[in-house]
Amino acid sequence: MMNNAFQQLFSQLTQSAVILGFDQKITAVNEAFEARFQNDTEAVIGSDPNSVKLIPRNKVKARKLIDLVEKQIDTDQGSLLIVKNSPRQKKSPVGKEYYLRTLAEHIPRSNFALIIPGFTISVAKGRALETYGCKRERLEGYNLKDVLRPSALENFLNPLEKAFNRKEFTENLSLNNRDFEVEFVPVFDEYGDVESVLFISQDITLQKEARVERARAEKLQLTRNILRNIAHEVRNPLTNINLASEELKDTCAQVPGGEMFFDIIDRNTHRINKLVTEIMQFTKTPGIVPEPVKVEELLRKVQGTIEDRIKLREITFLRRNSCKELELKIDKGKMTMALGNIAINAIEAVETGTGKVSIRAWKTGDELIVSISDNGVGMDKETLGKIYDPFHTGKSSGMGLGLTGAFNVIKAHDGEVKVESTPGKGTTFFVRLKANK
């Protein structure tokens, strides 16, 4: 159901528009739509926009609705599809401040500014210009030259002038590990002239992360399917080789040097079999058996798995826990392995003798945060994007499944993993887990 403010805005838009529900079906059309087209409204509602053909009242040839969509705006009420004006019509006065304010406020995670000629901000919401270095929340009545530094102003004016010249402009920007989509939308008056420009800044960090997660999950599942087939194809002839080798041992027992060759066969078939077993384990979705475990016990277990490596590499190790009595409901063995794999990577990233690795745990809200930090070589942005990919490794040994396995176990616990890294300075992994109430 549309709330009253949005419903009023939608019905009074003078440009034809429809609302799509979250099932991508048409849930409503506005009065301008009904006035412009002969279509039966009841037949349009509930239809897929790809299948609806619009019949203009001026007898022009019918066209598909989806081909006439000028702009789609996703809101918390559904998706708003704005239909193009016909060439014979004047541009509609969509740019009235009340309508723009109401419409922009329904776009989730968005801030906006309405800029009139002369570069004065007439309407604004939130830190609209944050992506250009302005932290002000009160922007109305100010000129852009008063709130933006010269370098940022130059970057802002270029797309702004394009919008004043009737061209929409959209780009993605990053700021403090957050991603934004910014839009410069020309607003027309009733004569078809640009009367102002609507600047919208949306925080799309969560959407981008969700897309990355979906792509990673799809890639992982495809890799699992391929590897499962390869493992089966390798294991079958490997079994035959082992059987044939056992039979030949008795026949060739007296052949000089024969024992050495059989040892070579046994060692290498055993090695291949171990690799196949690891691959088969990787292709299985991790099943977890949760049990109550205290955080201090978990950290001690993780430290136990890496203690020998710490001594061999002569590195400084630090463990800190500010919630020793806090309990988690986890699969203790699998979570120990997951955090241990991250810690092993940290140890292998630091210099022998001067390296530092730390594990810290603290509670925030109803979550436990475990951080694993090192002062090692660090990673660039490209490497960070691949660390959970199967078989991606920067080491001379290993299969590159450690972090992938750790990521899968943590996700199976409904946890999250974040990583921050600077080349030459080190890396920190942050693992978020639900704590028992």
Protein backbone atom coordinates (compact mmCIF):
# COMPACT_ATOMS: atom_id res chain seq x y z
CA MET A 1 0.00 0.00 0.00
CA MET A 2 1.25 3.48 -0.85
CA ASN A 3 1.45 5.94 2.00
CA ASN A 4 -0.60 9.16 1.71
CA ALA A 5 2.27 11.52 0.80
CA PHE A 6 3.57 9.26 -1.94
CA GLN A 7 0.07 8.54 -3.26
CA GLN A 8 -0.69 12.28 -3.50
CA LEU A 9 2.59 12.93 -5.31
CA PHE A 10 2.01 10.03 -7.70
CA SER A 11 -1.55 11.00 -8.59
CA GLN A 12 -0.64 14.66 -9.23
CA LEU A 13 2.33 14.01 -11.52
CA THR A 14 1.44 15.50 -14.88
CA GLN A 15 3.70 13.07 -16.71
CA SER A 16 2.31 9.57 -17.23
CA ALA A 17 3.64 7.09 -14.69
CA VAL A 18 3.03 3.61 -13.28
CA ILE A 19 4.13 1.84 -10.09
CA LEU A 20 5.71 -1.62 -10.14
CA GLY A 21 5.39 -3.79 -7.04
CA PHE A 22 8.27 -5.85 -5.73
CA ASP A 23 7.02 -8.75 -7.91
CA GLN A 24 7.62 -6.49 -10.95
CA LYS A 25 3.88 -6.29 -11.76
CA ILE A 26 2.02 -3.01 -12.30
CA THR A 27 0.16 -2.05 -9.10
CA ALA A 28 -1.08 1.45 -10.00
CA VAL A 29 -1.28 4.06 -12.78
CA ASN A 30 -1.68 7.81 -12.30
CA GLU A 31 -4.35 10.16 -13.67
CA ALA A 32 -2.06 11.46 -16.42
CA PHE A 33 -1.62 7.88 -17.65
CA GLU A 34 -5.40 7.30 -17.77
CA ALA A 35 -5.93 10.59 -19.62
CA ARG A 36 -3.27 9.88 -22.23
CA PHE A 37 -3.96 6.24 -23.10
CA GLN A 38 -7.09 4.29 -24.05
CA ASN A 39 -6.01 1.17 -22.15
CA ASP A 40 -8.44 -0.29 -19.65
CA THR A 41 -6.85 0.53 -16.27
CA GLU A 42 -8.10 -2.66 -14.63
CA ALA A 43 -6.48 -4.72 -17.40
CA VAL A 44 -3.16 -2.90 -17.02
CA ILE A 45 -2.93 -3.34 -13.24
CA GLY A 46 -1.41 -6.71 -12.36
CA SER A 47 0.26 -7.03 -15.78
CA ASP A 48 3.93 -7.42 -16.63
CA PRO A 49 5.17 -4.09 -18.10
CA ASN A 50 6.94 -6.05 -20.85
CA SER A 51 3.60 -7.32 -22.17
CA VAL A 52 1.51 -4.13 -22.02
CA LYS A 53 0.95 -2.23 -25.27
CA LEU A 54 -0.13 1.38 -24.86
CA ILE A 55 -2.90 2.76 -27.07
CA PRO A 56 -2.70 6.60 -27.30
CA ARG A 57 -5.94 8.58 -27.53
CA ASN A 58 -4.58 10.45 -30.57
CA LYS A 59 -4.72 7.22 -32.65
CA VAL A 60 -0.91 6.93 -32.97
CA LYS A 61 0.34 3.36 -33.42
CA ALA A 62 0.37 1.31 -30.19
CA ARG A 63 3.80 0.77 -28.59
CA LYS A 64 5.09 -1.38 -25.78
CA LEU A 65 5.06 0.29 -22.36
CA ILE A 66 8.61 -0.87 -21.62
CA ASP A 67 9.87 0.92 -24.78
CA LEU A 68 8.38 4.22 -23.62
CA VAL A 69 9.90 4.24 -20.13
CA GLU A 70 11.98 7.39 -19.71
CA LYS A 71 13.24 6.73 -16.19
CA GLN A 72 12.89 4.13 -13.44
CA ILE A 73 13.21 5.24 -9.81
CA ASP A 74 13.32 2.57 -7.10
CA THR A 75 11.58 3.69 -3.91
CA ASP A 76 10.42 2.06 -0.70
CA GLN A 77 6.91 2.04 -2.21
CA GLY A 78 7.95 0.11 -5.32
CA SER A 79 9.51 1.12 -8.64
CA LEU A 80 8.23 4.32 -10.30
CA LEU A 81 8.26 4.17 -14.12
CA ILE A 82 8.03 7.58 -15.82
CA VAL A 83 6.62 7.36 -19.37
CA LYS A 84 8.12 9.58 -22.09
CA ASN A 85 6.13 12.56 -23.27
CA SER A 86 4.88 12.43 -26.83
CA PRO A 87 6.75 14.76 -29.24
CA ARG A 88 3.65 16.97 -29.52
CA GLN A 89 3.42 17.61 -25.79
CA LYS A 90 5.19 20.20 -23.70
CA LYS A 91 7.49 18.98 -20.96
CA SER A 92 5.56 18.59 -17.72
CA PRO A 93 6.38 20.70 -14.64
CA VAL A 94 7.80 17.77 -12.68
CA GLY A 95 10.31 20.15 -11.13
CA LYS A 96 8.07 21.82 -8.58
CA GLU A 97 9.94 21.83 -5.30
CA TYR A 98 7.22 20.12 -3.26
CA TYR A 99 6.99 17.19 -5.64
CA LEU A 100 10.75 16.81 -5.98
CA ARG A 101 11.27 16.91 -2.25
CA THR A 102 8.57 14.31 -1.61
CA LEU A 103 9.77 12.06 -4.41
CA ALA A 104 13.45 12.19 -3.41
CA GLU A 105 12.61 11.50 0.22
CA HIS A 106 11.09 8.18 -0.84
CA ILE A 107 14.33 7.05 -2.49
CA PRO A 108 16.08 4.97 0.21
CA ARG A 109 19.58 5.91 1.40
CA SER A 110 19.48 9.12 -0.65
CA ASN A 111 20.28 12.78 -0.10
CA PHE A 112 19.51 15.48 -2.66
CA ALA A 113 19.90 19.12 -3.61
CA LEU A 114 17.85 21.17 -6.06
CA ILE A 115 20.13 23.68 -7.80
CA ILE A 116 18.78 26.67 -9.71
CA PRO A 117 20.63 28.82 -12.32
CA GLY A 118 23.41 30.79 -10.64
CA PHE A 119 24.34 27.62 -8.72
CA THR A 120 22.21 28.37 -5.66
CA ILE A 121 20.79 25.45 -3.66
CA SER A 122 17.05 26.03 -3.25
CA VAL A 123 16.08 22.71 -1.61
CA ALA A 124 18.28 20.09 0.09
CA LYS A 125 18.14 17.01 2.26
CA GLY A 126 21.00 15.62 4.38
CA ARG A 127 24.66 15.72 3.43
CA ALA A 128 23.90 15.79 -0.27
CA LEU A 129 27.36 17.06 -1.26
CA GLU A 130 29.32 14.72 1.02
CA THR A 131 30.78 12.86 -1.96
CA TYR A 132 32.35 16.15 -3.09
CA GLY A 133 33.95 16.88 0.29
CA CYS A 134 31.19 18.99 1.89
CA LYS A 135 30.06 17.80 5.33
CA ARG A 136 27.35 20.44 5.81
CA GLU A 137 23.83 19.21 6.48
CA ARG A 138 22.28 22.66 6.06
CA LEU A 139 22.66 23.61 2.41
CA GLU A 140 19.48 25.47 1.44
CA GLY A 141 20.10 29.05 0.35
CA TYR A 142 23.85 28.61 -0.09
CA ASN A 143 25.72 28.98 -3.35
CA LEU A 144 27.88 26.05 -4.46
CA LYS A 145 30.92 28.35 -4.40
CA ASP A 146 30.36 28.88 -0.66
CA VAL A 147 30.25 25.19 0.32
CA LEU A 148 32.65 23.43 -2.08
CA ARG A 149 36.41 23.79 -2.38
CA PRO A 150 37.67 24.98 -5.80
CA SER A 151 38.87 21.53 -6.92
CA ALA A 152 35.63 19.84 -5.83
CA LEU A 153 33.56 22.67 -7.34
CA GLU A 154 35.22 22.13 -10.71
CA ASN A 155 34.39 18.41 -10.60
CA PHE A 156 30.80 19.19 -9.65
CA LEU A 157 30.18 21.93 -12.20
CA ASN A 158 31.13 19.80 -15.21
CA PRO A 159 28.18 17.33 -14.92
CA LEU A 160 25.94 20.11 -13.53
CA GLU A 161 26.38 22.18 -16.68
CA LYS A 162 25.60 19.13 -18.81
CA ALA A 163 22.32 18.75 -16.90
CA PHE A 164 21.48 22.43 -17.45
CA ASN A 165 22.06 21.63 -21.14
CA ARG A 166 19.29 18.96 -20.95
CA LYS A 167 21.52 15.88 -20.45
CA GLU A 168 21.21 13.52 -17.49
CA PHE A 169 24.48 12.43 -15.90
CA THR A 170 25.17 9.47 -13.58
CA GLU A 171 28.41 8.17 -12.09
CA ASN A 172 29.67 6.06 -9.17
CA LEU A 173 31.99 7.48 -6.53
CA SER A 174 33.79 5.98 -3.50
CA LEU A 175 34.35 7.70 -0.16
CA ASN A 176 35.73 6.19 3.07
CA ASN A 177 35.05 2.59 1.97
CA ARG A 178 31.47 3.51 0.96
CA ASP A 179 30.09 3.54 -2.56
CA PHE A 180 27.72 6.20 -3.90
CA GLU A 181 25.72 6.70 -7.07
CA VAL A 182 25.23 10.36 -7.96
CA GLU A 183 22.72 11.67 -10.53
CA PHE A 184 22.29 15.08 -12.12
CA VAL A 185 18.72 15.26 -13.47
CA PRO A 186 17.47 18.28 -15.49
CA VAL A 187 14.09 19.58 -14.31
CA PHE A 188 11.90 21.14 -17.00
CA ASP A 189 9.29 23.85 -16.72
CA GLU A 190 5.97 23.89 -18.61
CA TYR A 191 7.69 25.39 -21.66
CA GLY A 192 10.30 22.63 -21.91
CA ASP A 193 13.18 24.73 -20.57
CA VAL A 194 15.51 23.56 -17.79
CA GLU A 195 14.52 25.48 -14.67
CA SER A 196 16.76 23.62 -12.19
CA VAL A 197 18.86 20.48 -11.71
CA LEU A 198 18.08 17.79 -9.15
CA PHE A 199 21.26 16.28 -7.71
CA ILE A 200 20.68 12.92 -5.98
CA SER A 201 23.36 11.05 -4.00
CA GLN A 202 22.55 7.46 -3.00
CA ASP A 203 24.64 5.24 -0.73
CA ILE A 204 24.78 1.98 -2.71
CA THR A 205 27.35 0.22 -0.52
CA LEU A 206 24.89 -2.46 0.65
CA GLN A 207 23.54 -3.11 -2.85
CA LYS A 208 27.05 -3.38 -4.23
CA GLU A 209 28.11 -5.76 -1.48
CA ALA A 210 24.99 -7.85 -2.08
CA ARG A 211 25.81 -8.08 -5.80
CA VAL A 212 29.38 -9.13 -4.98
CA GLU A 213 28.10 -11.77 -2.54
CA ARG A 214 25.67 -13.18 -5.11
CA ALA A 215 28.36 -13.29 -7.80
CA ARG A 216 30.79 -14.94 -5.38
CA ALA A 217 28.20 -17.56 -4.35
CA GLU A 218 27.38 -18.36 -7.99
CA LYS A 219 31.06 -18.60 -8.90
CA LEU A 220 31.72 -20.82 -5.88
CA GLN A 221 28.87 -23.18 -6.72
CA LEU A 222 30.02 -23.46 -10.34
CA THR A 223 33.57 -24.19 -9.18
CA ARG A 224 32.29 -26.86 -6.80
CA ASN A 225 30.34 -28.60 -9.56
CA ILE A 226 33.34 -28.62 -11.91
CA LEU A 227 35.75 -29.82 -9.22
CA ARG A 228 33.40 -32.57 -8.08
CA ASN A 229 33.30 -33.98 -11.61
CA ILE A 230 37.08 -33.70 -12.02
CA ALA A 231 37.72 -35.37 -8.65
CA HIS A 232 35.52 -38.33 -9.58
CA GLU A 233 37.20 -38.67 -12.96
CA VAL A 234 40.67 -38.65 -11.32
CA ARG A 235 39.82 -41.00 -8.45
CA ASN A 236 38.51 -43.82 -10.67
CA PRO A 237 41.72 -44.35 -12.72
CA LEU A 238 43.79 -43.71 -9.57
CA THR A 239 42.10 -46.68 -7.89
CA ASN A 240 42.92 -48.84 -10.92
CA ILE A 241 46.58 -47.73 -10.79
CA ASN A 242 46.84 -48.70 -7.12
CA LEU A 243 45.26 -52.11 -7.74
CA ALA A 244 47.55 -52.76 -10.72
CA SER A 245 50.59 -51.70 -8.69
CA GLU A 246 49.73 -54.16 -5.89
CA GLU A 247 49.39 -56.99 -8.40
CA LEU A 248 52.69 -56.14 -10.08
CA LYS A 249 54.57 -56.06 -6.76
CA ASP A 250 54.22 -59.81 -6.36
CA THR A 251 55.08 -60.53 -10.00
CA CYS A 252 58.12 -58.24 -10.10
CA ALA A 253 59.39 -58.82 -6.56
CA GLN A 254 62.70 -60.17 -7.79
CA VAL A 255 63.37 -57.49 -10.42
CA PRO A 256 66.47 -55.44 -9.42
CA GLY A 257 65.46 -51.90 -8.42
CA GLY A 258 61.76 -52.72 -8.77
CA GLU A 259 60.98 -51.87 -5.15
CA MET A 260 62.21 -48.29 -5.64
CA PHE A 261 59.87 -47.74 -8.58
CA PHE A 262 56.90 -49.11 -6.66
CA ASP A 263 57.72 -46.72 -3.80
CA ILE A 264 57.65 -43.82 -6.27
CA ILE A 265 54.25 -44.96 -7.57
CA ASP A 266 52.88 -45.36 -4.03
CA ARG A 267 54.09 -41.94 -2.84
CA ASN A 268 52.70 -40.07 -5.83
CA THR A 269 49.35 -41.88 -5.97
CA HIS A 270 49.01 -41.19 -2.24
CA ARG A 271 49.74 -37.50 -2.87
CA ILE A 272 47.19 -37.31 -5.71
CA ASN A 273 44.62 -39.09 -3.54
CA LYS A 274 45.19 -36.55 -0.74
CA LEU A 275 44.66 -33.66 -3.17
CA VAL A 276 41.48 -35.26 -4.51
CA THR A 277 40.21 -35.73 -0.93
CA GLU A 278 40.85 -32.04 -0.17
CA ILE A 279 38.99 -31.04 -3.32
CA MET A 280 36.05 -33.29 -2.44
CA GLN A 281 35.91 -31.77 1.06
CA PHE A 282 35.89 -28.30 -0.47
CA THR A 283 32.96 -29.14 -2.79
CA LYS A 284 30.73 -30.00 0.18
CA THR A 285 28.60 -27.28 1.77
CA PRO A 286 29.88 -27.04 5.35
CA GLY A 287 27.41 -28.65 7.75
CA ILE A 288 27.65 -27.21 11.24
CA VAL A 289 26.75 -28.71 14.62
CA PRO A 290 26.30 -25.73 16.97
CA GLU A 291 27.08 -25.91 20.67
CA PRO A 292 27.58 -23.23 23.36
CA VAL A 293 31.24 -22.15 23.41
CA LYS A 294 32.83 -19.37 25.43
CA VAL A 295 34.79 -16.82 23.43
CA GLU A 296 37.90 -17.29 25.58
CA GLU A 297 37.87 -21.04 24.92
CA LEU A 298 37.54 -20.44 21.16
CA LEU A 299 40.48 -18.00 21.10
CA ARG A 300 42.65 -20.40 23.09
CA LYS A 301 41.84 -23.17 20.60
CA VAL A 302 42.78 -20.89 17.68
CA GLN A 303 46.04 -19.94 19.37
CA GLY A 304 46.80 -23.63 19.92
CA THR A 305 46.54 -24.32 16.16
CA ILE A 306 49.11 -21.64 15.30
CA GLU A 307 51.48 -21.80 18.30
CA ASP A 308 54.16 -23.86 16.53
CA ARG A 309 54.22 -21.47 13.57
CA ILE A 310 54.55 -18.48 15.92
CA LYS A 311 57.63 -20.03 17.56
CA LEU A 312 59.21 -21.10 14.27
CA ARG A 313 58.78 -17.63 12.73
CA GLU A 314 59.86 -15.89 15.97
CA ILE A 315 57.02 -13.37 15.72
CA THR A 316 55.23 -11.34 18.39
CA PHE A 317 51.73 -12.64 19.12
CA LEU A 318 49.04 -10.80 21.10
CA ARG A 319 45.64 -12.08 22.24
CA ARG A 320 43.09 -9.73 23.79
CA ASN A 321 39.50 -10.54 24.82
CA SER A 322 37.18 -8.05 26.52
CA CYS A 323 34.27 -10.53 26.85
CA LYS A 324 35.73 -13.73 28.30
CA GLU A 325 32.43 -15.02 29.71
CA LEU A 326 30.45 -14.36 26.53
CA GLU A 327 29.07 -17.46 24.81
CA LEU A 328 28.61 -18.22 21.13
CA LYS A 329 26.51 -20.99 19.62
CA ILE A 330 28.90 -22.36 17.00
CA ASP A 331 30.50 -25.47 15.59
CA LYS A 332 33.66 -25.25 17.71
CA GLY A 333 35.84 -27.41 15.45
CA LYS A 334 34.90 -25.71 12.20
CA MET A 335 35.07 -22.17 13.62
CA THR A 336 38.49 -22.93 15.14
CA MET A 337 39.65 -24.10 11.71
CA ALA A 338 38.19 -21.00 9.99
CA LEU A 339 39.79 -18.46 12.35
CA GLY A 340 42.97 -20.55 12.37
CA ASN A 341 43.22 -20.38 8.57
CA ILE A 342 42.94 -16.58 8.70
CA ALA A 343 45.58 -16.43 11.44
CA ILE A 344 47.92 -18.71 9.45
CA ASN A 345 47.66 -16.36 6.49
CA ALA A 346 48.53 -13.47 8.81
CA ILE A 347 51.60 -15.32 10.12
CA GLU A 348 52.79 -16.16 6.62
CA ALA A 349 52.41 -12.51 5.55
CA VAL A 350 54.89 -11.12 8.13
CA GLU A 351 58.69 -11.09 8.29
CA THR A 352 60.45 -13.70 10.44
CA GLY A 353 61.74 -12.14 13.66
CA THR A 354 59.96 -8.77 13.27
CA GLY A 355 56.41 -9.84 12.47
CA LYS A 356 53.43 -9.00 14.71
CA VAL A 357 50.08 -10.82 14.72
CA SER A 358 47.17 -10.08 17.07
CA ILE A 359 43.75 -11.59 17.74
CA ARG A 360 41.24 -9.38 19.55
CA ALA A 361 37.61 -9.96 20.52
CA TRP A 362 34.95 -7.52 21.74
CA LYS A 363 31.18 -7.26 21.85
CA THR A 364 29.06 -4.62 20.10
CA GLY A 365 25.30 -4.84 20.42
CA ASP A 366 24.35 -8.51 20.08
CA GLU A 367 27.41 -9.34 17.98
CA LEU A 368 30.93 -10.50 18.70
CA ILE A 369 33.72 -8.99 16.61
CA VAL A 370 36.96 -10.95 16.22
CA SER A 371 39.80 -9.10 14.50
CA ILE A 372 42.98 -10.78 13.24
CA SER A 373 45.71 -8.25 12.34
CA ASP A 374 49.26 -8.41 11.01
CA ASN A 375 51.99 -5.96 10.03
CA GLY A 376 52.86 -7.89 6.88
CA VAL A 377 53.02 -7.13 3.19
CA GLY A 378 49.38 -6.08 2.87
CA MET A 379 47.26 -6.32 -0.28
CA ASP A 380 46.20 -3.98 -3.05
CA LYS A 381 42.56 -3.53 -4.14
CA GLU A 382 42.84 -6.06 -6.98
CA THR A 383 44.20 -8.78 -4.67
CA LEU A 384 41.54 -8.03 -2.05
CA GLY A 385 38.86 -8.78 -4.63
CA LYS A 386 40.23 -12.30 -5.17
CA ILE A 387 41.17 -13.53 -1.68
CA TYR A 388 38.07 -15.74 -1.31
CA ASP A 389 38.37 -17.22 -4.81
CA PRO A 390 39.18 -20.95 -4.80
CA PHE A 391 42.81 -21.75 -5.76
CA HIS A 392 43.88 -18.10 -5.61
CA THR A 393 47.09 -17.97 -3.57
CA GLY A 394 50.17 -15.80 -3.38
CA LYS A 395 52.18 -18.55 -1.69
CA SER A 396 54.52 -21.02 -3.34
CA SER A 397 52.80 -23.94 -1.58
CA GLY A 398 49.17 -24.68 -0.75
CA MET A 399 46.05 -24.94 -2.89
CA GLY A 400 44.48 -21.57 -2.11
CA LEU A 401 41.47 -23.09 -0.33
CA GLY A 402 42.18 -21.86 3.22
CA LEU A 403 40.42 -18.50 3.08
CA THR A 404 37.67 -19.87 0.84
CA GLY A 405 36.94 -22.57 3.43
CA ALA A 406 37.07 -20.03 6.28
CA PHE A 407 34.64 -17.74 4.44
CA ASN A 408 32.21 -20.63 3.84
CA VAL A 409 32.25 -21.71 7.50
CA ILE A 410 31.65 -18.17 8.78
CA LYS A 411 28.80 -17.63 6.28
CA ALA A 412 27.29 -20.97 7.37
CA HIS A 413 27.10 -19.44 10.89
CA ASP A 414 25.28 -16.36 9.46
CA GLY A 415 28.44 -14.37 10.12
CA GLU A 416 30.25 -11.75 8.05
CA VAL A 417 33.86 -11.19 7.08
CA LYS A 418 35.35 -7.78 6.25
CA VAL A 419 38.97 -7.05 5.45
CA GLU A 420 41.05 -3.87 5.41
CA SER A 421 44.56 -3.85 3.98
CA THR A 422 47.27 -1.40 2.97
CA PRO A 423 50.20 -2.55 0.82
CA GLY A 424 53.39 -2.56 2.90
CA LYS A 425 51.58 -1.91 6.20
CA GLY A 426 49.49 -4.97 6.93
CA THR A 427 46.01 -6.49 6.93
CA THR A 428 43.11 -6.83 9.38
CA PHE A 429 40.23 -9.30 9.05
CA PHE A 430 37.02 -8.54 10.97
CA VAL A 431 34.71 -11.50 11.69
CA ARG A 432 31.21 -10.71 12.98
CA LEU A 433 29.25 -13.47 14.76
CA LYS A 434 25.93 -13.52 16.60
CA ALA A 435 26.41 -13.77 20.39
CA ASN A 436 24.11 -15.74 22.69
CA LYS A 437 21.68 -13.50 24.56
